Amino acid sequence: MADKSVITNLGIRIRQLIDDHRRLSGVCGELTAECRRQKTENRALQERIRELESELARMQLAAGLAGDRRDKEKARTRVNRLMREVDKCIALLDTPRES
């Protein structure tokens, strides 16, 4: 008799474990999908931040060139940096290429 109750208890526990596994597998799938959605949203928001930072830099440059005192130094610095980049590009174009 005792053996039968042990086997019955094991059967019940095994069914509970199977049910728990199915339930947790579903939860895991939902969380994985939510994680993917969050990563996609994060990438989109990061791209938006880069766009806004670029737009802000352009606006600050325009304000500095227009004579706004507080942005004038930033504008001068940016123009100088852009001029150095152009000079580097010209220097690269003037160097002979080795085949």
Protein backbone atom coordinates (compact mmCIF):
# COMPACT_ATOMS: atom_id res chain seq x y z
CA MET A 1 0.00 0.00 0.00
CA ALA A 2 2.76 2.43 0.92
CA ASP A 3 4.45 1.84 -2.44
CA LYS A 4 1.24 2.73 -4.27
CA SER A 5 0.87 6.05 -2.42
CA VAL A 6 4.52 6.93 -3.12
CA ILE A 7 4.00 6.26 -6.82
CA THR A 8 0.77 8.27 -6.80
CA ASN A 9 2.51 11.19 -5.08
CA LEU A 10 5.36 11.04 -7.61
CA GLY A 11 2.84 11.07 -10.45
CA ILE A 12 1.10 14.12 -9.00
CA ARG A 13 4.40 15.94 -8.53
CA ILE A 14 5.52 15.08 -12.06
CA ARG A 15 2.26 16.47 -13.49
CA GLN A 16 2.71 19.64 -11.41
CA LEU A 17 6.26 20.00 -12.70
CA ILE A 18 5.10 19.54 -16.29
CA ASP A 19 2.36 22.15 -15.79
CA ASP A 20 4.83 24.55 -14.17
CA HIS A 21 7.25 24.00 -17.05
CA ARG A 22 4.58 24.79 -19.64
CA ARG A 23 3.48 27.89 -17.75
CA LEU A 24 7.03 29.14 -17.25
CA SER A 25 7.91 28.46 -20.89
CA GLY A 26 5.00 30.70 -21.90
CA VAL A 27 6.10 33.42 -19.50
CA CYS A 28 9.65 33.15 -20.82
CA GLY A 29 8.39 33.56 -24.39
CA GLU A 30 6.39 36.65 -23.43
CA LEU A 31 9.38 38.18 -21.65
CA THR A 32 11.64 37.46 -24.61
CA ALA A 33 9.19 39.19 -26.94
CA GLU A 34 8.94 42.16 -24.56
CA CYS A 35 12.74 42.35 -24.40
CA ARG A 36 12.91 42.49 -28.22
CA ARG A 37 10.29 45.25 -28.29
CA GLN A 38 12.20 47.24 -25.68
CA LYS A 39 15.49 46.86 -27.57
CA THR A 40 13.84 48.04 -30.79
CA GLU A 41 12.33 51.02 -29.00
CA ASN A 42 15.68 51.78 -27.37
CA ARG A 43 17.45 51.79 -30.76
CA ALA A 44 14.82 54.13 -32.19
CA LEU A 45 15.12 56.48 -29.23
CA GLN A 46 18.93 56.47 -29.42
CA GLU A 47 18.71 57.40 -33.10
CA ARG A 48 16.29 60.21 -32.25
CA ILE A 49 18.70 61.49 -29.61
CA ARG A 50 21.52 61.56 -32.19
CA GLU A 51 19.30 63.47 -34.63
CA LEU A 52 18.29 66.00 -31.98
CA GLU A 53 21.89 66.49 -30.84
CA SER A 54 22.92 67.13 -34.43
CA GLU A 55 20.07 69.59 -34.90
CA LEU A 56 21.01 71.35 -31.65
CA ALA A 57 24.62 71.68 -32.79
CA ARG A 58 23.46 73.20 -36.10
CA MET A 59 21.18 75.63 -34.29
CA GLN A 60 23.96 76.66 -31.91
CA LEU A 61 26.28 77.20 -34.86
CA ALA A 62 23.67 79.31 -36.63
CA ALA A 63 23.05 81.34 -33.48
CA GLY A 64 26.79 81.83 -33.01
CA LEU A 65 27.26 82.94 -36.59
CA ALA A 66 24.31 85.30 -36.23
CA GLY A 67 26.11 87.07 -33.41
CA ASP A 68 24.64 85.56 -30.26
CA ARG A 69 27.45 86.13 -27.76
CA ARG A 70 27.03 83.02 -25.66
CA ASP A 71 27.13 80.72 -28.70
CA LYS A 72 29.79 82.64 -30.59
CA GLU A 73 32.71 80.75 -29.07
CA LYS A 74 31.03 77.39 -29.70
CA ALA A 75 30.40 78.39 -33.31
CA ARG A 76 33.99 79.50 -33.77
CA THR A 77 35.26 76.22 -32.31
CA ARG A 78 33.00 74.17 -34.55
CA VAL A 79 33.91 76.13 -37.67
CA ASN A 80 37.61 75.68 -36.85
CA ARG A 81 37.10 71.94 -36.37
CA LEU A 82 35.23 71.69 -39.67
CA MET A 83 37.98 73.64 -41.43
CA ARG A 84 40.61 71.25 -40.04
CA GLU A 85 38.58 68.31 -41.34
CA VAL A 86 38.36 69.92 -44.79
CA ASP A 87 42.11 70.58 -44.74
CA LYS A 88 42.76 66.92 -43.87
CA CYS A 89 40.54 65.81 -46.74
CA ILE A 90 42.35 68.11 -49.16
CA ALA A 91 45.70 66.82 -47.92
CA LEU A 92 44.53 63.24 -48.49
CA LEU A 93 43.46 64.11 -52.02
CA ASP A 94 46.86 65.71 -52.75
CA THR A 95 48.90 62.73 -51.57
CA PRO A 96 49.90 60.33 -54.38
CA ARG A 97 48.42 56.88 -54.13
CA GLU A 98 50.63 53.84 -54.09
CA SER A 99 49.47 50.99 -56.28
